[in-house]
């Protein structure tokens, strides 16, 4: 039995703060790249939680880009 991969319609992960739930930070949808993207995603989530500006632009990874 094969499992499904969490993936967005455009293939990009969801990383960033939710606009609907102010204290929610989302980091999901990495498909088969989770282990490879885990370290940079962790760094970005840490920066968001610390109130820092992320080291890379997160516009394309906006968790609510389809909402």
PDB file of N, CA and C in Angstrom:
ATOM      1  N   UNK A   1       0.837  -1.166   0.000  1.00  0.00           N
ATOM      2  CA  UNK A   1       0.000   0.000   0.000  1.00  0.00           C
ATOM      3  C   UNK A   1       0.893   1.244   0.000  1.00  0.00           C
ATOM      4  N   UNK A   2       0.620   2.165  -0.886  1.00  0.00           N
ATOM      5  CA  UNK A   2       1.402   3.391  -0.970  1.00  0.00           C
ATOM      6  C   UNK A   2       0.669   4.517  -0.267  1.00  0.00           C
ATOM      7  N   UNK A   3       1.456   5.374   0.388  1.00  0.00           N
ATOM      8  CA  UNK A   3       0.871   6.513   1.088  1.00  0.00           C
ATOM      9  C   UNK A   3       0.821   7.738   0.190  1.00  0.00           C
ATOM     10  N   UNK A   4      -0.068   8.634   0.509  1.00  0.00           N
ATOM     11  CA  UNK A   4      -0.176   9.883  -0.223  1.00  0.00           C
ATOM     12  C   UNK A   4       0.846  10.874   0.294  1.00  0.00           C
ATOM     13  N   UNK A   5       1.341  11.722  -0.578  1.00  0.00           N
ATOM     14  CA  UNK A   5       2.299  12.745  -0.201  1.00  0.00           C
ATOM     15  C   UNK A   5       1.581  14.076  -0.006  1.00  0.00           C
ATOM     16  N   UNK A   6       1.832  14.763   1.113  1.00  0.00           N
ATOM     17  CA  UNK A   6       1.201  16.072   1.314  1.00  0.00           C
ATOM     18  C   UNK A   6       1.811  17.084   0.349  1.00  0.00           C
ATOM     19  N   UNK A   7       1.010  17.542  -0.585  1.00  0.00           N
ATOM     20  CA  UNK A   7       1.531  18.417  -1.631  1.00  0.00           C
ATOM     21  C   UNK A   7       0.467  19.435  -2.024  1.00  0.00           C
ATOM     22  N   UNK A   8       0.910  20.652  -2.305  1.00  0.00           N
ATOM     23  CA  UNK A   8      -0.004  21.705  -2.749  1.00  0.00           C
ATOM     24  C   UNK A   8      -0.239  21.587  -4.252  1.00  0.00           C
ATOM     25  N   UNK A   9      -1.265  22.245  -4.779  1.00  0.00           N
ATOM     26  CA  UNK A   9      -1.526  22.172  -6.218  1.00  0.00           C
ATOM     27  C   UNK A   9      -0.365  22.666  -7.090  1.00  0.00           C
ATOM     28  N   UNK A  10       0.410  23.645  -6.594  1.00  0.00           N
ATOM     29  CA  UNK A  10       1.526  24.158  -7.390  1.00  0.00           C
ATOM     30  C   UNK A  10       2.854  23.473  -7.064  1.00  0.00           C
ATOM     31  N   UNK A  11       2.835  22.522  -6.131  1.00  0.00           N
ATOM     32  CA  UNK A  11       4.041  21.774  -5.796  1.00  0.00           C
ATOM     33  C   UNK A  11       4.942  22.457  -4.778  1.00  0.00           C
ATOM     34  N   UNK A  12       4.622  23.679  -4.384  1.00  0.00           N
ATOM     35  CA  UNK A  12       5.420  24.397  -3.390  1.00  0.00           C
ATOM     36  C   UNK A  12       4.854  24.143  -1.996  1.00  0.00           C
ATOM     37  N   UNK A  13       5.716  24.072  -0.986  1.00  0.00           N
ATOM     38  CA  UNK A  13       5.193  23.881   0.366  1.00  0.00           C
ATOM     39  C   UNK A  13       4.473  25.127   0.871  1.00  0.00           C
ATOM     40  N   UNK A  14       3.745  24.948   1.952  1.00  0.00           N
ATOM     41  CA  UNK A  14       3.097  26.056   2.645  1.00  0.00           C
ATOM     42  C   UNK A  14       3.970  26.399   3.847  1.00  0.00           C
ATOM     43  N   UNK A  15       4.515  27.614   3.891  1.00  0.00           N
ATOM     44  CA  UNK A  15       5.332  28.054   5.018  1.00  0.00           C
ATOM     45  C   UNK A  15       4.984  29.499   5.320  1.00  0.00           C
ATOM     46  N   UNK A  16       4.552  29.763   6.539  1.00  0.00           N
ATOM     47  CA  UNK A  16       4.256  31.134   6.935  1.00  0.00           C
ATOM     48  C   UNK A  16       3.185  31.201   7.995  1.00  0.00           C
ATOM     49  N   UNK A  17       2.840  32.416   8.348  1.00  0.00           N
ATOM     50  CA  UNK A  17       1.804  32.661   9.352  1.00  0.00           C
ATOM     51  C   UNK A  17       0.420  32.633   8.714  1.00  0.00           C
ATOM     52  N   UNK A  18      -0.528  32.165   9.475  1.00  0.00           N
ATOM     53  CA  UNK A  18      -1.921  32.188   9.049  1.00  0.00           C
ATOM     54  C   UNK A  18      -2.486  33.573   9.323  1.00  0.00           C
ATOM     55  N   UNK A  19      -3.253  34.105   8.404  1.00  0.00           N
ATOM     56  CA  UNK A  19      -3.925  35.385   8.620  1.00  0.00           C
ATOM     57  C   UNK A  19      -5.212  35.197   9.419  1.00  0.00           C
ATOM     58  N   UNK A  20      -5.777  34.008   9.353  1.00  0.00           N
ATOM     59  CA  UNK A  20      -7.041  33.731  10.045  1.00  0.00           C
ATOM     60  C   UNK A  20      -6.836  33.383  11.508  1.00  0.00           C
ATOM     61  N   UNK A  21      -5.703  32.738  11.801  1.00  0.00           N
ATOM     62  CA  UNK A  21      -5.382  32.341  13.177  1.00  0.00           C
ATOM     63  C   UNK A  21      -4.028  32.968  13.511  1.00  0.00           C
ATOM     64  N   UNK A  22      -4.015  34.089  14.225  1.00  0.00           N
ATOM     65  CA  UNK A  22      -2.791  34.869  14.417  1.00  0.00           C
ATOM     66  C   UNK A  22      -1.620  34.120  15.058  1.00  0.00           C
ATOM     67  N   UNK A  23      -1.881  33.148  15.912  1.00  0.00           N
ATOM     68  CA  UNK A  23      -0.778  32.448  16.578  1.00  0.00           C
ATOM     69  C   UNK A  23      -0.432  31.109  15.916  1.00  0.00           C
ATOM     70  N   UNK A  24      -0.805  30.942  14.648  1.00  0.00           N
ATOM     71  CA  UNK A  24      -0.526  29.700  13.920  1.00  0.00           C
ATOM     72  C   UNK A  24       0.544  29.928  12.860  1.00  0.00           C
ATOM     73  N   UNK A  25       1.595  29.114  12.912  1.00  0.00           N
ATOM     74  CA  UNK A  25       2.617  29.108  11.872  1.00  0.00           C
ATOM     75  C   UNK A  25       2.517  27.758  11.167  1.00  0.00           C
ATOM     76  N   UNK A  26       2.421  27.790   9.846  1.00  0.00           N
ATOM     77  CA  UNK A  26       2.227  26.593   9.035  1.00  0.00           C
ATOM     78  C   UNK A  26       3.533  26.223   8.340  1.00  0.00           C
ATOM     79  N   UNK A  27       3.845  24.940   8.327  1.00  0.00           N
ATOM     80  CA  UNK A  27       5.013  24.426   7.607  1.00  0.00           C
ATOM     81  C   UNK A  27       4.680  23.003   7.164  1.00  0.00           C
ATOM     82  N   UNK A  28       4.110  22.878   5.963  1.00  0.00           N
ATOM     83  CA  UNK A  28       3.658  21.575   5.481  1.00  0.00           C
ATOM     84  C   UNK A  28       3.662  21.551   3.956  1.00  0.00           C
ATOM     85  N   UNK A  29       3.356  20.401   3.393  1.00  0.00           N
ATOM     86  CA  UNK A  29       3.215  20.274   1.946  1.00  0.00           C
ATOM     87  C   UNK A  29       4.526  20.149   1.203  1.00  0.00           C
ATOM     88  N   UNK A  30       5.538  19.576   1.833  1.00  0.00           N
ATOM     89  CA  UNK A  30       6.853  19.457   1.210  1.00  0.00           C
ATOM     90  C   UNK A  30       6.958  18.265   0.253  1.00  0.00           C
ATOM     91  N   UNK A  31       5.880  17.508   0.123  1.00  0.00           N
ATOM     92  CA  UNK A  31       5.845  16.325  -0.760  1.00  0.00           C
ATOM     93  C   UNK A  31       6.997  15.388  -0.408  1.00  0.00           C
ATOM     94  N   UNK A  32       7.808  15.019  -1.375  1.00  0.00           N
ATOM     95  CA  UNK A  32       8.908  14.086  -1.132  1.00  0.00           C
ATOM     96  C   UNK A  32      10.208  14.794  -0.775  1.00  0.00           C
ATOM     97  N   UNK A  33      10.141  16.109  -0.521  1.00  0.00           N
ATOM     98  CA  UNK A  33      11.341  16.890  -0.228  1.00  0.00           C
ATOM     99  C   UNK A  33      11.437  17.270   1.246  1.00  0.00           C
ATOM    100  N   UNK A  34      10.620  16.662   2.102  1.00  0.00           N
ATOM    101  CA  UNK A  34      10.575  17.018   3.512  1.00  0.00           C
ATOM    102  C   UNK A  34      11.910  16.912   4.223  1.00  0.00           C
ATOM    103  N   UNK A  35      12.640  15.838   4.001  1.00  0.00           N
ATOM    104  CA  UNK A  35      13.930  15.691   4.663  1.00  0.00           C
ATOM    105  C   UNK A  35      14.939  16.706   4.139  1.00  0.00           C
ATOM    106  N   UNK A  36      14.896  16.984   2.867  1.00  0.00           N
ATOM    107  CA  UNK A  36      15.834  17.942   2.276  1.00  0.00           C
ATOM    108  C   UNK A  36      15.524  19.374   2.674  1.00  0.00           C
ATOM    109  N   UNK A  37      14.232  19.722   2.738  1.00  0.00           N
ATOM    110  CA  UNK A  37      13.834  21.095   3.043  1.00  0.00           C
ATOM    111  C   UNK A  37      13.601  21.328   4.533  1.00  0.00           C
ATOM    112  N   UNK A  38      13.663  20.279   5.329  1.00  0.00           N
ATOM    113  CA  UNK A  38      13.419  20.401   6.761  1.00  0.00           C
ATOM    114  C   UNK A  38      14.304  21.422   7.471  1.00  0.00           C
ATOM    115  N   UNK A  39      15.616  21.415   7.251  1.00  0.00           N
ATOM    116  CA  UNK A  39      16.473  22.374   7.948  1.00  0.00           C
ATOM    117  C   UNK A  39      16.149  23.836   7.624  1.00  0.00           C
ATOM    118  N   UNK A  40      15.951  24.155   6.371  1.00  0.00           N
ATOM    119  CA  UNK A  40      15.650  25.548   6.022  1.00  0.00           C
ATOM    120  C   UNK A  40      14.248  25.924   6.489  1.00  0.00           C
ATOM    121  N   UNK A  41      13.311  24.983   6.419  1.00  0.00           N
ATOM    122  CA  UNK A  41      11.965  25.254   6.915  1.00  0.00           C
ATOM    123  C   UNK A  41      11.997  25.513   8.416  1.00  0.00           C
ATOM    124  N   UNK A  42      12.773  24.727   9.140  1.00  0.00           N
ATOM    125  CA  UNK A  42      12.918  24.932  10.579  1.00  0.00           C
ATOM    126  C   UNK A  42      13.492  26.298  10.906  1.00  0.00           C
ATOM    127  N   UNK A  43      14.483  26.711  10.128  1.00  0.00           N
ATOM    128  CA  UNK A  43      15.075  28.036  10.337  1.00  0.00           C
ATOM    129  C   UNK A  43      14.038  29.134  10.107  1.00  0.00           C
ATOM    130  N   UNK A  44      13.270  29.015   9.026  1.00  0.00           N
ATOM    131  CA  UNK A  44      12.252  30.016   8.717  1.00  0.00           C
ATOM    132  C   UNK A  44      11.158  30.062   9.780  1.00  0.00           C
ATOM    133  N   UNK A  45      10.715  28.911  10.231  1.00  0.00           N
ATOM    134  CA  UNK A  45       9.691  28.864  11.279  1.00  0.00           C
ATOM    135  C   UNK A  45      10.238  29.491  12.563  1.00  0.00           C
ATOM    136  N   UNK A  46      11.486  29.192  12.894  1.00  0.00           N
ATOM    137  CA  UNK A  46      12.100  29.797  14.075  1.00  0.00           C
ATOM    138  C   UNK A  46      12.145  31.313  13.976  1.00  0.00           C
ATOM    139  N   UNK A  47      12.491  31.824  12.797  1.00  0.00           N
ATOM    140  CA  UNK A  47      12.531  33.271  12.596  1.00  0.00           C
ATOM    141  C   UNK A  47      11.135  33.875  12.750  1.00  0.00           C
ATOM    142  N   UNK A  48      10.133  33.218  12.195  1.00  0.00           N
ATOM    143  CA  UNK A  48       8.759  33.712  12.334  1.00  0.00           C
ATOM    144  C   UNK A  48       8.319  33.730  13.793  1.00  0.00           C
ATOM    145  N   UNK A  49       8.627  32.675  14.524  1.00  0.00           N
ATOM    146  CA  UNK A  49       8.224  32.588  15.928  1.00  0.00           C
ATOM    147  C   UNK A  49       8.959  33.611  16.800  1.00  0.00           C
ATOM    148  N   UNK A  50      10.189  33.946  16.411  1.00  0.00           N
ATOM    149  CA  UNK A  50      10.969  34.944  17.161  1.00  0.00           C
ATOM    150  C   UNK A  50      10.614  36.373  16.779  1.00  0.00           C
ATOM    151  N   UNK A  51       9.718  36.528  15.787  1.00  0.00           N
ATOM    152  CA  UNK A  51       9.329  37.861  15.350  1.00  0.00           C
ATOM    153  C   UNK A  51      10.340  38.510  14.424  1.00  0.00           C
ATOM    154  N   UNK A  52      11.277  37.732  13.902  1.00  0.00           N
ATOM    155  CA  UNK A  52      12.289  38.234  12.978  1.00  0.00           C
ATOM    156  C   UNK A  52      11.761  38.230  11.550  1.00  0.00           C
ATOM    157  N   UNK A  53      12.385  39.015  10.703  1.00  0.00           N
ATOM    158  CA  UNK A  53      12.070  38.965   9.276  1.00  0.00           C
ATOM    159  C   UNK A  53      12.713  37.694   8.719  1.00  0.00           C
ATOM    160  N   UNK A  54      11.954  36.867   7.991  1.00  0.00           N
ATOM    161  CA  UNK A  54      12.532  35.641   7.425  1.00  0.00           C
ATOM    162  C   UNK A  54      13.703  35.958   6.494  1.00  0.00           C
ATOM    163  N   UNK A  55      14.691  35.084   6.472  1.00  0.00           N
ATOM    164  CA  UNK A  55      15.895  35.289   5.668  1.00  0.00           C
ATOM    165  C   UNK A  55      15.639  35.149   4.177  1.00  0.00           C
ATOM    166  N   UNK A  56      14.505  34.595   3.799  1.00  0.00           N
ATOM    167  CA  UNK A  56      14.093  34.534   2.392  1.00  0.00           C
ATOM    168  C   UNK A  56      12.629  34.981   2.310  1.00  0.00           C
ATOM    169  N   UNK A  57      12.238  35.508   1.170  1.00  0.00           N
ATOM    170  CA  UNK A  57      10.850  35.946   0.971  1.00  0.00           C
ATOM    171  C   UNK A  57       9.923  34.731   0.973  1.00  0.00           C
ATOM    172  N   UNK A  58       8.826  34.846   1.684  1.00  0.00           N
ATOM    173  CA  UNK A  58       7.882  33.730   1.792  1.00  0.00           C
ATOM    174  C   UNK A  58       6.613  33.940   0.981  1.00  0.00           C
ATOM    175  N   UNK A  59       6.595  34.943   0.124  1.00  0.00           N
ATOM    176  CA  UNK A  59       5.383  35.256  -0.642  1.00  0.00           C
ATOM    177  C   UNK A  59       4.856  34.061  -1.431  1.00  0.00           C
ATOM    178  N   UNK A  60       5.736  33.345  -2.105  1.00  0.00           N
ATOM    179  CA  UNK A  60       5.295  32.206  -2.927  1.00  0.00           C
ATOM    180  C   UNK A  60       4.862  30.996  -2.095  1.00  0.00           C
ATOM    181  N   UNK A  61       5.212  31.010  -0.805  1.00  0.00           N
ATOM    182  CA  UNK A  61       4.890  29.879   0.062  1.00  0.00           C
ATOM    183  C   UNK A  61       3.735  30.178   1.011  1.00  0.00           C
ATOM    184  N   UNK A  62       3.070  31.303   0.821  1.00  0.00           N
ATOM    185  CA  UNK A  62       1.978  31.752   1.691  1.00  0.00           C
ATOM    186  C   UNK A  62       0.954  30.627   1.897  1.00  0.00           C
ATOM    187  N   UNK A  63       0.704  30.251   3.164  1.00  0.00           N
ATOM    188  CA  UNK A  63      -0.241  29.171   3.442  1.00  0.00           C
ATOM    189  C   UNK A  63      -1.663  29.451   2.953  1.00  0.00           C
ATOM    190  N   UNK A  64      -2.003  30.705   2.746  1.00  0.00           N
ATOM    191  CA  UNK A  64      -3.366  31.056   2.332  1.00  0.00           C
ATOM    192  C   UNK A  64      -3.424  31.544   0.885  1.00  0.00           C
ATOM    193  N   UNK A  65      -2.469  31.113   0.080  1.00  0.00           N
ATOM    194  CA  UNK A  65      -2.431  31.588  -1.311  1.00  0.00           C
ATOM    195  C   UNK A  65      -3.589  31.064  -2.157  1.00  0.00           C
ATOM    196  N   UNK A  66      -4.267  30.028  -1.698  1.00  0.00           N
ATOM    197  CA  UNK A  66      -5.423  29.512  -2.426  1.00  0.00           C
ATOM    198  C   UNK A  66      -6.725  29.804  -1.712  1.00  0.00           C
ATOM    199  N   UNK A  67      -6.666  30.546  -0.610  1.00  0.00           N
ATOM    200  CA  UNK A  67      -7.847  30.799   0.204  1.00  0.00           C
ATOM    201  C   UNK A  67      -8.506  32.030  -0.199  1.00  0.00           C
TER     202      UNK A  67
END
